[in-house]
Amino acid sequence: MSVPDPKAASVARAQFNDLGPSAAAGGNQEINLNLILDVAVTLALEVGRGRMSVRELLQLAPGSIVELDRMAGEPLDVLVNGVRIARGEVVVVNDNSASGWSTW
């Protein structure tokens, strides 16, 4: 099996089109969001994260306290399919928990 000669290889700079708002719409065309409105996504509200050993995990019981990487009162992360899209806070409306989004 022969190894190609790297000195003989042709190298050229990659050319990319503009990625601005008009590029996403294909120039003057409008974006048709109706095509994706029924696509299911996973929404998660993340209060914080923590690390522990399997031993500590197995010792958790009702009433256990788990230390997280955020302080009380800090905004939570709003994740769609694992990607943070916003930050928000937990609010209570008529005894139901909800999320108020504060930043995008």
PDB file of N, CA and C in Angstrom:
ATOM      1  N   MET A   1       0.847  -1.165   0.000  1.00  0.00           N
ATOM      2  CA  MET A   1       0.000   0.000   0.000  1.00  0.00           C
ATOM      3  C   MET A   1       0.896   1.232   0.000  1.00  0.00           C
ATOM      4  N   SER A   2       0.663   2.143  -0.916  1.00  0.00           N
ATOM      5  CA  SER A   2       1.519   3.323  -1.006  1.00  0.00           C
ATOM      6  C   SER A   2       0.934   4.480  -0.206  1.00  0.00           C
ATOM      7  N   VAL A   3       1.822   5.301   0.320  1.00  0.00           N
ATOM      8  CA  VAL A   3       1.432   6.468   1.100  1.00  0.00           C
ATOM      9  C   VAL A   3       1.457   7.685   0.168  1.00  0.00           C
ATOM     10  N   PRO A   4       0.366   8.503   0.151  1.00  0.00           N
ATOM     11  CA  PRO A   4       0.363   9.661  -0.741  1.00  0.00           C
ATOM     12  C   PRO A   4       1.403  10.692  -0.299  1.00  0.00           C
ATOM     13  N   ASP A   5       1.969  11.374  -1.280  1.00  0.00           N
ATOM     14  CA  ASP A   5       2.984  12.401  -1.018  1.00  0.00           C
ATOM     15  C   ASP A   5       2.279  13.679  -0.587  1.00  0.00           C
ATOM     16  N   PRO A   6       2.490  14.170   0.684  1.00  0.00           N
ATOM     17  CA  PRO A   6       1.803  15.369   1.144  1.00  0.00           C
ATOM     18  C   PRO A   6       2.215  16.621   0.378  1.00  0.00           C
ATOM     19  N   LYS A   7       3.392  16.647  -0.233  1.00  0.00           N
ATOM     20  CA  LYS A   7       3.836  17.813  -0.994  1.00  0.00           C
ATOM     21  C   LYS A   7       3.067  17.949  -2.303  1.00  0.00           C
ATOM     22  N   ALA A   8       2.537  16.840  -2.811  1.00  0.00           N
ATOM     23  CA  ALA A   8       1.819  16.860  -4.075  1.00  0.00           C
ATOM     24  C   ALA A   8       0.334  17.180  -3.888  1.00  0.00           C
ATOM     25  N   ALA A   9      -0.137  17.238  -2.643  1.00  0.00           N
ATOM     26  CA  ALA A   9      -1.561  17.480  -2.379  1.00  0.00           C
ATOM     27  C   ALA A   9      -1.930  18.915  -2.703  1.00  0.00           C
ATOM     28  N   SER A  10      -3.119  19.102  -3.260  1.00  0.00           N
ATOM     29  CA  SER A  10      -3.633  20.431  -3.573  1.00  0.00           C
ATOM     30  C   SER A  10      -4.391  20.966  -2.368  1.00  0.00           C
ATOM     31  N   VAL A  11      -4.024  22.158  -1.904  1.00  0.00           N
ATOM     32  CA  VAL A  11      -4.657  22.751  -0.728  1.00  0.00           C
ATOM     33  C   VAL A  11      -5.312  24.061  -1.135  1.00  0.00           C
ATOM     34  N   ALA A  12      -6.556  24.252  -0.724  1.00  0.00           N
ATOM     35  CA  ALA A  12      -7.272  25.492  -1.026  1.00  0.00           C
ATOM     36  C   ALA A  12      -8.092  25.899   0.190  1.00  0.00           C
ATOM     37  N   ARG A  13      -8.272  27.209   0.380  1.00  0.00           N
ATOM     38  CA  ARG A  13      -9.073  27.721   1.487  1.00  0.00           C
ATOM     39  C   ARG A  13     -10.551  27.444   1.198  1.00  0.00           C
ATOM     40  N   ALA A  14     -11.273  26.974   2.214  1.00  0.00           N
ATOM     41  CA  ALA A  14     -12.697  26.685   2.060  1.00  0.00           C
ATOM     42  C   ALA A  14     -13.480  27.978   1.885  1.00  0.00           C
ATOM     43  N   GLN A  15     -14.511  27.949   1.046  1.00  0.00           N
ATOM     44  CA  GLN A  15     -15.368  29.096   0.794  1.00  0.00           C
ATOM     45  C   GLN A  15     -16.759  28.805   1.365  1.00  0.00           C
ATOM     46  N   PHE A  16     -17.268  29.719   2.195  1.00  0.00           N
ATOM     47  CA  PHE A  16     -18.585  29.544   2.801  1.00  0.00           C
ATOM     48  C   PHE A  16     -19.468  30.728   2.445  1.00  0.00           C
ATOM     49  N   ASN A  17     -20.767  30.471   2.300  1.00  0.00           N
ATOM     50  CA  ASN A  17     -21.730  31.528   2.038  1.00  0.00           C
ATOM     51  C   ASN A  17     -22.044  32.277   3.327  1.00  0.00           C
ATOM     52  N   ASP A  18     -22.638  33.445   3.215  1.00  0.00           N
ATOM     53  CA  ASP A  18     -23.057  34.253   4.356  1.00  0.00           C
ATOM     54  C   ASP A  18     -24.053  33.468   5.203  1.00  0.00           C
ATOM     55  N   LEU A  19     -23.872  33.496   6.535  1.00  0.00           N
ATOM     56  CA  LEU A  19     -24.764  32.780   7.438  1.00  0.00           C
ATOM     57  C   LEU A  19     -25.724  33.720   8.152  1.00  0.00           C
ATOM     58  N   GLY A  20     -25.976  34.885   7.599  1.00  0.00           N
ATOM     59  CA  GLY A  20     -26.890  35.857   8.189  1.00  0.00           C
ATOM     60  C   GLY A  20     -28.329  35.392   8.106  1.00  0.00           C
ATOM     61  N   PRO A  21     -29.267  36.216   8.619  1.00  0.00           N
ATOM     62  CA  PRO A  21     -30.692  35.841   8.632  1.00  0.00           C
ATOM     63  C   PRO A  21     -31.258  35.552   7.236  1.00  0.00           C
ATOM     64  N   SER A  22     -30.813  36.293   6.222  1.00  0.00           N
ATOM     65  CA  SER A  22     -31.349  36.047   4.887  1.00  0.00           C
ATOM     66  C   SER A  22     -30.836  34.736   4.305  1.00  0.00           C
ATOM     67  N   ALA A  23     -29.667  34.283   4.747  1.00  0.00           N
ATOM     68  CA  ALA A  23     -29.125  33.020   4.242  1.00  0.00           C
ATOM     69  C   ALA A  23     -29.962  31.843   4.716  1.00  0.00           C
ATOM     70  N   ALA A  24     -30.467  31.913   5.961  1.00  0.00           N
ATOM     71  CA  ALA A  24     -31.285  30.824   6.497  1.00  0.00           C
ATOM     72  C   ALA A  24     -32.591  30.689   5.721  1.00  0.00           C
ATOM     73  N   ALA A  25     -33.087  31.795   5.218  1.00  0.00           N
ATOM     74  CA  ALA A  25     -34.341  31.772   4.476  1.00  0.00           C
ATOM     75  C   ALA A  25     -34.117  31.508   2.994  1.00  0.00           C
ATOM     76  N   GLY A  26     -32.867  31.324   2.587  1.00  0.00           N
ATOM     77  CA  GLY A  26     -32.584  31.052   1.186  1.00  0.00           C
ATOM     78  C   GLY A  26     -32.718  32.290   0.321  1.00  0.00           C
ATOM     79  N   GLY A  27     -32.265  33.406   0.816  1.00  0.00           N
ATOM     80  CA  GLY A  27     -32.357  34.657   0.054  1.00  0.00           C
ATOM     81  C   GLY A  27     -33.608  35.413   0.426  1.00  0.00           C
ATOM     82  N   ASN A  28     -34.510  35.569  -0.550  1.00  0.00           N
ATOM     83  CA  ASN A  28     -35.739  36.325  -0.315  1.00  0.00           C
ATOM     84  C   ASN A  28     -36.909  35.447   0.094  1.00  0.00           C
ATOM     85  N   GLN A  29     -36.704  34.143   0.269  1.00  0.00           N
ATOM     86  CA  GLN A  29     -37.781  33.239   0.639  1.00  0.00           C
ATOM     87  C   GLN A  29     -38.078  33.356   2.132  1.00  0.00           C
ATOM     88  N   GLU A  30     -39.359  33.150   2.497  1.00  0.00           N
ATOM     89  CA  GLU A  30     -39.747  33.159   3.899  1.00  0.00           C
ATOM     90  C   GLU A  30     -39.515  31.771   4.498  1.00  0.00           C
ATOM     91  N   ILE A  31     -39.199  31.745   5.805  1.00  0.00           N
ATOM     92  CA  ILE A  31     -39.022  30.474   6.505  1.00  0.00           C
ATOM     93  C   ILE A  31     -40.402  29.924   6.845  1.00  0.00           C
ATOM     94  N   ASN A  32     -40.656  28.671   6.507  1.00  0.00           N
ATOM     95  CA  ASN A  32     -41.931  28.036   6.805  1.00  0.00           C
ATOM     96  C   ASN A  32     -41.777  27.178   8.052  1.00  0.00           C
ATOM     97  N   LEU A  33     -42.078  27.751   9.212  1.00  0.00           N
ATOM     98  CA  LEU A  33     -41.958  27.021  10.475  1.00  0.00           C
ATOM     99  C   LEU A  33     -43.042  25.963  10.639  1.00  0.00           C
ATOM    100  N   ASN A  34     -44.090  26.014   9.832  1.00  0.00           N
ATOM    101  CA  ASN A  34     -45.153  25.017   9.931  1.00  0.00           C
ATOM    102  C   ASN A  34     -44.625  23.605   9.730  1.00  0.00           C
ATOM    103  N   LEU A  35     -43.510  23.459   9.031  1.00  0.00           N
ATOM    104  CA  LEU A  35     -42.945  22.138   8.774  1.00  0.00           C
ATOM    105  C   LEU A  35     -42.431  21.466  10.046  1.00  0.00           C
ATOM    106  N   ILE A  36     -42.067  22.254  11.061  1.00  0.00           N
ATOM    107  CA  ILE A  36     -41.468  21.666  12.272  1.00  0.00           C
ATOM    108  C   ILE A  36     -42.280  21.898  13.537  1.00  0.00           C
ATOM    109  N   LEU A  37     -43.451  22.522  13.434  1.00  0.00           N
ATOM    110  CA  LEU A  37     -44.232  22.856  14.632  1.00  0.00           C
ATOM    111  C   LEU A  37     -44.644  21.636  15.453  1.00  0.00           C
ATOM    112  N   ASP A  38     -44.792  20.472  14.853  1.00  0.00           N
ATOM    113  CA  ASP A  38     -45.226  19.274  15.569  1.00  0.00           C
ATOM    114  C   ASP A  38     -44.066  18.365  15.968  1.00  0.00           C
ATOM    115  N   VAL A  39     -42.827  18.798  15.763  1.00  0.00           N
ATOM    116  CA  VAL A  39     -41.667  18.002  16.163  1.00  0.00           C
ATOM    117  C   VAL A  39     -41.540  18.043  17.684  1.00  0.00           C
ATOM    118  N   ALA A  40     -41.457  16.887  18.325  1.00  0.00           N
ATOM    119  CA  ALA A  40     -41.339  16.815  19.782  1.00  0.00           C
ATOM    120  C   ALA A  40     -39.900  17.082  20.212  1.00  0.00           C
ATOM    121  N   VAL A  41     -39.750  17.886  21.253  1.00  0.00           N
ATOM    122  CA  VAL A  41     -38.442  18.173  21.834  1.00  0.00           C
ATOM    123  C   VAL A  41     -38.513  17.890  23.332  1.00  0.00           C
ATOM    124  N   THR A  42     -37.359  17.720  23.955  1.00  0.00           N
ATOM    125  CA  THR A  42     -37.300  17.500  25.390  1.00  0.00           C
ATOM    126  C   THR A  42     -36.951  18.810  26.074  1.00  0.00           C
ATOM    127  N   LEU A  43     -37.829  19.262  26.969  1.00  0.00           N
ATOM    128  CA  LEU A  43     -37.619  20.488  27.724  1.00  0.00           C
ATOM    129  C   LEU A  43     -37.225  20.111  29.142  1.00  0.00           C
ATOM    130  N   ALA A  44     -36.138  20.684  29.629  1.00  0.00           N
ATOM    131  CA  ALA A  44     -35.682  20.413  30.995  1.00  0.00           C
ATOM    132  C   ALA A  44     -35.344  21.735  31.675  1.00  0.00           C
ATOM    133  N   LEU A  45     -35.691  21.832  32.944  1.00  0.00           N
ATOM    134  CA  LEU A  45     -35.341  22.982  33.761  1.00  0.00           C
ATOM    135  C   LEU A  45     -34.327  22.496  34.784  1.00  0.00           C
ATOM    136  N   GLU A  46     -33.099  22.966  34.669  1.00  0.00           N
ATOM    137  CA  GLU A  46     -32.005  22.458  35.502  1.00  0.00           C
ATOM    138  C   GLU A  46     -31.715  23.434  36.643  1.00  0.00           C
ATOM    139  N   VAL A  47     -31.888  22.947  37.859  1.00  0.00           N
ATOM    140  CA  VAL A  47     -31.644  23.746  39.055  1.00  0.00           C
ATOM    141  C   VAL A  47     -30.155  23.821  39.349  1.00  0.00           C
ATOM    142  N   GLY A  48     -29.449  22.734  39.124  1.00  0.00           N
ATOM    143  CA  GLY A  48     -28.014  22.683  39.375  1.00  0.00           C
ATOM    144  C   GLY A  48     -27.503  21.277  39.159  1.00  0.00           C
ATOM    145  N   ARG A  49     -26.200  21.111  39.337  1.00  0.00           N
ATOM    146  CA  ARG A  49     -25.574  19.800  39.168  1.00  0.00           C
ATOM    147  C   ARG A  49     -24.682  19.505  40.359  1.00  0.00           C
ATOM    148  N   GLY A  50     -24.456  18.249  40.582  1.00  0.00           N
ATOM    149  CA  GLY A  50     -23.558  17.823  41.648  1.00  0.00           C
ATOM    150  C   GLY A  50     -22.894  16.514  41.283  1.00  0.00           C
ATOM    151  N   ARG A  51     -21.812  16.222  41.970  1.00  0.00           N
ATOM    152  CA  ARG A  51     -21.093  14.956  41.743  1.00  0.00           C
ATOM    153  C   ARG A  51     -21.041  14.200  43.058  1.00  0.00           C
ATOM    154  N   MET A  52     -21.174  12.881  42.949  1.00  0.00           N
ATOM    155  CA  MET A  52     -21.061  12.031  44.132  1.00  0.00           C
ATOM    156  C   MET A  52     -20.674  10.635  43.687  1.00  0.00           C
ATOM    157  N   SER A  53     -20.160   9.894  44.623  1.00  0.00           N
ATOM    158  CA  SER A  53     -19.772   8.516  44.324  1.00  0.00           C
ATOM    159  C   SER A  53     -21.016   7.633  44.291  1.00  0.00           C
ATOM    160  N   VAL A  54     -20.884   6.452  43.736  1.00  0.00           N
ATOM    161  CA  VAL A  54     -21.992   5.504  43.713  1.00  0.00           C
ATOM    162  C   VAL A  54     -22.390   5.159  45.147  1.00  0.00           C
ATOM    163  N   ARG A  55     -21.426   5.065  46.048  1.00  0.00           N
ATOM    164  CA  ARG A  55     -21.706   4.769  47.455  1.00  0.00           C
ATOM    165  C   ARG A  55     -22.643   5.842  48.039  1.00  0.00           C
ATOM    166  N   GLU A  56     -22.299   7.124  47.784  1.00  0.00           N
ATOM    167  CA  GLU A  56     -23.143   8.218  48.290  1.00  0.00           C
ATOM    168  C   GLU A  56     -24.521   8.192  47.642  1.00  0.00           C
ATOM    169  N   LEU A  57     -24.570   7.890  46.351  1.00  0.00           N
ATOM    170  CA  LEU A  57     -25.835   7.818  45.632  1.00  0.00           C
ATOM    171  C   LEU A  57     -26.748   6.752  46.230  1.00  0.00           C
ATOM    172  N   LEU A  58     -26.181   5.587  46.535  1.00  0.00           N
ATOM    173  CA  LEU A  58     -26.973   4.493  47.094  1.00  0.00           C
ATOM    174  C   LEU A  58     -27.437   4.775  48.519  1.00  0.00           C
ATOM    175  N   GLN A  59     -26.797   5.716  49.193  1.00  0.00           N
ATOM    176  CA  GLN A  59     -27.173   6.064  50.562  1.00  0.00           C
ATOM    177  C   GLN A  59     -28.245   7.155  50.619  1.00  0.00           C
ATOM    178  N   LEU A  60     -28.627   7.697  49.468  1.00  0.00           N
ATOM    179  CA  LEU A  60     -29.666   8.721  49.466  1.00  0.00           C
ATOM    180  C   LEU A  60     -30.996   8.126  49.903  1.00  0.00           C
ATOM    181  N   ALA A  61     -31.734   8.901  50.668  1.00  0.00           N
ATOM    182  CA  ALA A  61     -33.031   8.471  51.185  1.00  0.00           C
ATOM    183  C   ALA A  61     -33.932   9.706  51.254  1.00  0.00           C
ATOM    184  N   PRO A  62     -35.228   9.515  51.464  1.00  0.00           N
ATOM    185  CA  PRO A  62     -36.105  10.677  51.616  1.00  0.00           C
ATOM    186  C   PRO A  62     -35.565  11.605  52.706  1.00  0.00           C
ATOM    187  N   GLY A  63     -35.486  12.889  52.391  1.00  0.00           N
ATOM    188  CA  GLY A  63     -34.957  13.863  53.336  1.00  0.00           C
ATOM    189  C   GLY A  63     -33.473  14.133  53.173  1.00  0.00           C
ATOM    190  N   SER A  64     -32.783  13.362  52.299  1.00  0.00           N
ATOM    191  CA  SER A  64     -31.358  13.587  52.072  1.00  0.00           C
ATOM    192  C   SER A  64     -31.148  14.949  51.428  1.00  0.00           C
ATOM    193  N   ILE A  65     -30.018  15.561  51.699  1.00  0.00           N
ATOM    194  CA  ILE A  65     -29.667  16.843  51.100  1.00  0.00           C
ATOM    195  C   ILE A  65     -28.523  16.609  50.130  1.00  0.00           C
ATOM    196  N   VAL A  66     -28.686  17.115  48.913  1.00  0.00           N
ATOM    197  CA  VAL A  66     -27.670  16.966  47.870  1.00  0.00           C
ATOM    198  C   VAL A  66     -27.117  18.355  47.571  1.00  0.00           C
ATOM    199  N   GLU A  67     -25.802  18.515  47.659  1.00  0.00           N
ATOM    200  CA  GLU A  67     -25.166  19.792  47.373  1.00  0.00           C
ATOM    201  C   GLU A  67     -25.056  19.975  45.860  1.00  0.00           C
ATOM    202  N   LEU A  68     -25.500  21.143  45.389  1.00  0.00           N
ATOM    203  CA  LEU A  68     -25.443  21.461  43.966  1.00  0.00           C
ATOM    204  C   LEU A  68     -24.426  22.566  43.724  1.00  0.00           C
ATOM    205  N   ASP A  69     -24.121  22.805  42.464  1.00  0.00           N
ATOM    206  CA  ASP A  69     -23.110  23.791  42.096  1.00  0.00           C
ATOM    207  C   ASP A  69     -23.643  25.218  42.025  1.00  0.00           C
ATOM    208  N   ARG A  70     -24.875  25.437  42.458  1.00  0.00           N
ATOM    209  CA  ARG A  70     -25.459  26.776  42.439  1.00  0.00           C
ATOM    210  C   ARG A  70     -25.996  27.138  43.809  1.00  0.00           C
ATOM    211  N   MET A  71     -26.046  28.440  44.035  1.00  0.00           N
ATOM    212  CA  MET A  71     -26.597  28.945  45.285  1.00  0.00           C
ATOM    213  C   MET A  71     -28.114  29.050  45.159  1.00  0.00           C
ATOM    214  N   ALA A  72     -28.806  29.017  46.304  1.00  0.00           N
ATOM    215  CA  ALA A  72     -30.256  29.199  46.310  1.00  0.00           C
ATOM    216  C   ALA A  72     -30.581  30.574  45.742  1.00  0.00           C
ATOM    217  N   GLY A  73     -31.590  30.639  44.906  1.00  0.00           N
ATOM    218  CA  GLY A  73     -32.002  31.903  44.320  1.00  0.00           C
ATOM    219  C   GLY A  73     -31.371  32.199  42.970  1.00  0.00           C
ATOM    220  N   GLU A  74     -30.336  31.445  42.585  1.00  0.00           N
ATOM    221  CA  GLU A  74     -29.733  31.659  41.267  1.00  0.00           C
ATOM    222  C   GLU A  74     -30.687  31.166  40.184  1.00  0.00           C
ATOM    223  N   PRO A  75     -30.622  31.778  38.988  1.00  0.00           N
ATOM    224  CA  PRO A  75     -31.509  31.334  37.906  1.00  0.00           C
ATOM    225  C   PRO A  75     -31.228  29.887  37.520  1.00  0.00           C
ATOM    226  N   LEU A  76     -32.273  29.213  37.062  1.00  0.00           N
ATOM    227  CA  LEU A  76     -32.097  27.853  36.559  1.00  0.00           C
ATOM    228  C   LEU A  76     -31.907  27.905  35.058  1.00  0.00           C
ATOM    229  N   ASP A  77     -31.382  26.827  34.476  1.00  0.00           N
ATOM    230  CA  ASP A  77     -31.167  26.752  33.030  1.00  0.00           C
ATOM    231  C   ASP A  77     -32.383  26.108  32.374  1.00  0.00           C
ATOM    232  N   VAL A  78     -32.809  26.671  31.253  1.00  0.00           N
ATOM    233  CA  VAL A  78     -33.874  26.091  30.444  1.00  0.00           C
ATOM    234  C   VAL A  78     -33.187  25.416  29.264  1.00  0.00           C
ATOM    235  N   LEU A  79     -33.323  24.076  29.196  1.00  0.00           N
ATOM    236  CA  LEU A  79     -32.647  23.287  28.170  1.00  0.00           C
ATOM    237  C   LEU A  79     -33.663  22.679  27.206  1.00  0.00           C
ATOM    238  N   VAL A  80     -33.366  22.738  25.917  1.00  0.00           N
ATOM    239  CA  VAL A  80     -34.158  22.040  24.901  1.00  0.00           C
ATOM    240  C   VAL A  80     -33.224  21.066  24.220  1.00  0.00           C
ATOM    241  N   ASN A  81     -33.558  19.778  24.324  1.00  0.00           N
ATOM    242  CA  ASN A  81     -32.715  18.708  23.794  1.00  0.00           C
ATOM    243  C   ASN A  81     -31.279  18.836  24.300  1.00  0.00           C
ATOM    244  N   GLY A  82     -31.118  19.228  25.561  1.00  0.00           N
ATOM    245  CA  GLY A  82     -29.799  19.301  26.182  1.00  0.00           C
ATOM    246  C   GLY A  82     -29.034  20.577  25.908  1.00  0.00           C
ATOM    247  N   VAL A  83     -29.613  21.524  25.173  1.00  0.00           N
ATOM    248  CA  VAL A  83     -28.941  22.781  24.837  1.00  0.00           C
ATOM    249  C   VAL A  83     -29.619  23.921  25.589  1.00  0.00           C
ATOM    250  N   ARG A  84     -28.827  24.721  26.322  1.00  0.00           N
ATOM    251  CA  ARG A  84     -29.409  25.829  27.074  1.00  0.00           C
ATOM    252  C   ARG A  84     -29.882  26.910  26.109  1.00  0.00           C
ATOM    253  N   ILE A  85     -31.166  27.257  26.232  1.00  0.00           N
ATOM    254  CA  ILE A  85     -31.734  28.305  25.384  1.00  0.00           C
ATOM    255  C   ILE A  85     -32.101  29.540  26.183  1.00  0.00           C
ATOM    256  N   ALA A  86     -32.199  29.408  27.512  1.00  0.00           N
ATOM    257  CA  ALA A  86     -32.604  30.542  28.336  1.00  0.00           C
ATOM    258  C   ALA A  86     -32.231  30.268  29.780  1.00  0.00           C
ATOM    259  N   ARG A  87     -32.354  31.305  30.603  1.00  0.00           N
ATOM    260  CA  ARG A  87     -32.217  31.170  32.050  1.00  0.00           C
ATOM    261  C   ARG A  87     -33.503  31.697  32.646  1.00  0.00           C
ATOM    262  N   GLY A  88     -33.918  31.151  33.765  1.00  0.00           N
ATOM    263  CA  GLY A  88     -35.184  31.571  34.353  1.00  0.00           C
ATOM    264  C   GLY A  88     -35.212  31.359  35.841  1.00  0.00           C
ATOM    265  N   GLU A  89     -36.386  31.563  36.413  1.00  0.00           N
ATOM    266  CA  GLU A  89     -36.554  31.380  37.843  1.00  0.00           C
ATOM    267  C   GLU A  89     -37.845  30.612  38.076  1.00  0.00           C
ATOM    268  N   VAL A  90     -37.915  29.940  39.220  1.00  0.00           N
ATOM    269  CA  VAL A  90     -39.105  29.182  39.576  1.00  0.00           C
ATOM    270  C   VAL A  90     -40.098  30.152  40.221  1.00  0.00           C
ATOM    271  N   VAL A  91     -41.326  30.117  39.744  1.00  0.00           N
ATOM    272  CA  VAL A  91     -42.388  30.931  40.314  1.00  0.00           C
ATOM    273  C   VAL A  91     -43.557  30.014  40.668  1.00  0.00           C
ATOM    274  N   VAL A  92     -44.398  30.444  41.594  1.00  0.00           N
ATOM    275  CA  VAL A  92     -45.568  29.666  41.989  1.00  0.00           C
ATOM    276  C   VAL A  92     -46.813  30.460  41.614  1.00  0.00           C
ATOM    277  N   VAL A  93     -47.693  29.813  40.840  1.00  0.00           N
ATOM    278  CA  VAL A  93     -48.941  30.434  40.410  1.00  0.00           C
ATOM    279  C   VAL A  93     -50.078  29.508  40.810  1.00  0.00           C
ATOM    280  N   ASN A  94     -50.956  29.968  41.714  1.00  0.00           N
ATOM    281  CA  ASN A  94     -52.090  29.158  42.178  1.00  0.00           C
ATOM    282  C   ASN A  94     -51.638  27.786  42.671  1.00  0.00           C
ATOM    283  N   ASP A  95     -50.616  27.753  43.510  1.00  0.00           N
ATOM    284  CA  ASP A  95     -50.062  26.515  44.096  1.00  0.00           C
ATOM    285  C   ASP A  95     -49.435  25.582  43.084  1.00  0.00           C
ATOM    286  N   ASN A  96     -49.166  26.039  41.864  1.00  0.00           N
ATOM    287  CA  ASN A  96     -48.489  25.241  40.843  1.00  0.00           C
ATOM    288  C   ASN A  96     -47.139  25.865  40.545  1.00  0.00           C
ATOM    289  N   SER A  97     -46.114  25.034  40.422  1.00  0.00           N
ATOM    290  CA  SER A  97     -44.796  25.545  40.047  1.00  0.00           C
ATOM    291  C   SER A  97     -44.768  25.833  38.559  1.00  0.00           C
ATOM    292  N   ALA A  98     -44.071  26.882  38.193  1.00  0.00           N
ATOM    293  CA  ALA A  98     -43.898  27.247  36.794  1.00  0.00           C
ATOM    294  C   ALA A  98     -42.522  27.858  36.658  1.00  0.00           C
ATOM    295  N   SER A  99     -42.144  28.181  35.446  1.00  0.00           N
ATOM    296  CA  SER A  99     -40.845  28.808  35.215  1.00  0.00           C
ATOM    297  C   SER A  99     -41.054  30.130  34.516  1.00  0.00           C
ATOM    298  N   GLY A 100     -40.446  31.171  35.081  1.00  0.00           N
ATOM    299  CA  GLY A 100     -40.448  32.475  34.433  1.00  0.00           C
ATOM    300  C   GLY A 100     -39.090  32.666  33.785  1.00  0.00           C
ATOM    301  N   TRP A 101     -39.041  32.870  32.478  1.00  0.00           N
ATOM    302  CA  TRP A 101     -37.769  32.987  31.768  1.00  0.00           C
ATOM    303  C   TRP A 101     -37.314  34.423  31.804  1.00  0.00           C
ATOM    304  N   SER A 102     -36.070  34.620  32.221  1.00  0.00           N
ATOM    305  CA  SER A 102     -35.573  35.978  32.377  1.00  0.00           C
ATOM    306  C   SER A 102     -34.577  36.386  31.297  1.00  0.00           C
ATOM    307  N   THR A 103     -33.793  35.468  30.782  1.00  0.00           N
ATOM    308  CA  THR A 103     -32.816  35.807  29.742  1.00  0.00           C
ATOM    309  C   THR A 103     -32.813  34.742  28.670  1.00  0.00           C
ATOM    310  N   TRP A 104     -32.509  35.146  27.434  1.00  0.00           N
ATOM    311  CA  TRP A 104     -32.413  34.206  26.314  1.00  0.00           C
ATOM    312  C   TRP A 104     -30.997  34.090  25.905  1.00  0.00           C
TER     313      TRP A 104
END
